[in-house]
Protein backbone atom coordinates (compact mmCIF):
# COMPACT_ATOMS: atom_id res chain seq x y z
CA UNK A 1 73.91 212.82 5.79
CA UNK A 2 73.70 212.62 2.01
CA UNK A 3 70.72 210.86 0.36
CA UNK A 4 71.53 208.12 -2.15
CA UNK A 5 71.14 209.40 -5.74
CA UNK A 6 70.45 205.82 -6.93
CA UNK A 7 67.42 204.89 -4.78
CA UNK A 8 66.60 208.34 -3.32
CA UNK A 9 65.73 206.65 0.00
CA UNK A 10 68.89 205.50 1.73
CA UNK A 11 71.76 207.45 3.18
CA UNK A 12 75.39 207.26 2.10
CA UNK A 13 77.90 206.16 4.72
CA UNK A 14 81.68 206.53 4.33
CA UNK A 15 83.56 203.26 3.82
CA UNK A 16 86.96 202.12 2.63
CA UNK A 17 86.49 199.44 -0.03
CA UNK A 18 88.47 197.60 -2.69
CA UNK A 19 88.17 199.11 -6.15
CA UNK A 20 88.22 196.51 -8.93
CA UNK A 21 88.42 197.41 -12.63
CA UNK A 22 89.67 195.87 -15.86
CA UNK A 23 92.17 198.10 -17.70
CA UNK A 24 93.22 196.92 -21.16
CA UNK A 25 92.46 193.31 -20.30
CA UNK A 26 94.27 193.37 -16.93
CA UNK A 27 92.30 193.04 -13.71
CA UNK A 28 93.41 195.72 -11.27
CA UNK A 29 92.28 195.86 -7.66
CA UNK A 30 93.16 198.64 -5.27
CA UNK A 31 92.34 198.12 -1.58
CA UNK A 32 91.30 200.73 0.96
CA UNK A 33 89.77 203.29 -1.44
CA UNK A 34 87.47 205.95 0.04
CA UNK A 35 83.86 205.33 -0.97
CA UNK A 36 80.29 205.85 0.16
CA UNK A 37 77.75 203.00 0.39
CA UNK A 38 73.97 203.32 0.57
CA UNK A 39 72.43 201.69 3.65
CA UNK A 40 69.27 200.72 1.69
CA UNK A 41 70.20 199.68 -1.87
CA UNK A 42 73.90 198.96 -1.27
CA UNK A 43 75.04 201.08 -4.23
CA UNK A 44 78.69 202.12 -3.90
CA UNK A 45 80.10 205.47 -4.97
CA UNK A 46 83.89 205.73 -5.09
CA UNK A 47 85.72 209.00 -4.58
CA UNK A 48 86.07 210.36 -8.13
CA UNK A 49 89.23 212.33 -7.33
CA UNK A 50 90.95 209.16 -6.09
CA UNK A 51 89.83 207.26 -9.21
CA UNK A 52 91.31 209.99 -11.42
CA UNK A 53 94.59 209.72 -9.51
CA UNK A 54 94.63 205.94 -10.07
CA UNK A 55 93.95 206.38 -13.78
CA UNK A 56 96.74 208.96 -14.10
CA UNK A 57 99.14 206.70 -12.21
CA UNK A 58 98.26 203.71 -14.35
CA UNK A 59 98.54 205.83 -17.49
CA UNK A 60 102.00 207.11 -16.53
CA UNK A 61 103.47 203.94 -15.04
CA UNK A 62 101.60 201.45 -17.20
CA UNK A 63 99.73 198.40 -16.06
CA UNK A 64 101.38 195.81 -13.87
CA UNK A 65 102.52 192.75 -15.78
CA UNK A 66 99.71 190.27 -16.35
CA UNK A 67 101.16 187.01 -15.06
CA UNK A 68 98.06 185.02 -15.87
CA UNK A 69 97.25 184.07 -19.42
CA UNK A 70 93.67 184.16 -20.58
CA UNK A 71 92.02 180.81 -21.11
CA UNK A 72 92.10 179.81 -24.75
CA UNK A 73 90.08 177.25 -26.62
CA UNK A 74 91.85 174.51 -28.48
CA UNK A 75 90.85 172.62 -31.58
CA UNK A 76 91.03 169.29 -29.79
CA UNK A 77 88.82 166.51 -31.02
CA UNK A 78 85.64 165.99 -29.01
CA UNK A 79 85.59 163.15 -26.54
CA UNK A 80 83.97 159.94 -27.67
CA UNK A 81 80.26 159.65 -27.07
CA UNK A 82 78.45 156.75 -25.41
CA UNK A 83 77.70 155.24 -28.82
CA UNK A 84 81.47 154.79 -29.41
CA UNK A 85 82.06 153.35 -25.94
CA UNK A 86 82.13 149.61 -25.29
CA UNK A 87 78.69 148.10 -24.80
CA UNK A 88 79.20 147.25 -21.15
CA UNK A 89 80.02 150.90 -20.35
CA UNK A 90 76.62 152.06 -21.61
CA UNK A 91 74.62 149.46 -19.64
CA UNK A 92 73.58 150.15 -16.06
CA UNK A 93 75.36 147.92 -13.60
CA UNK A 94 73.30 145.49 -11.56
CA UNK A 95 73.79 145.12 -7.85
């Protein structure tokens, strides 16, 4: 069993995990990727050959379409503060 190069204590165990990476602003996740996880520190090491294959595939085929737009800020006016609110809104209500 291989010793973890990150903590030098734990052992690496084979797993199949989801690889998540941002490529050119698009979040890509690939399930069931061969990896090794340390039983002590939890560090994950993905199979580098598989990652190269993914990068080549993405480079040749291009990224999937990004159907979700990034959140943008608007130049909307700020909401009114308590000082602009009616007086009864700022007072605590009695029971």
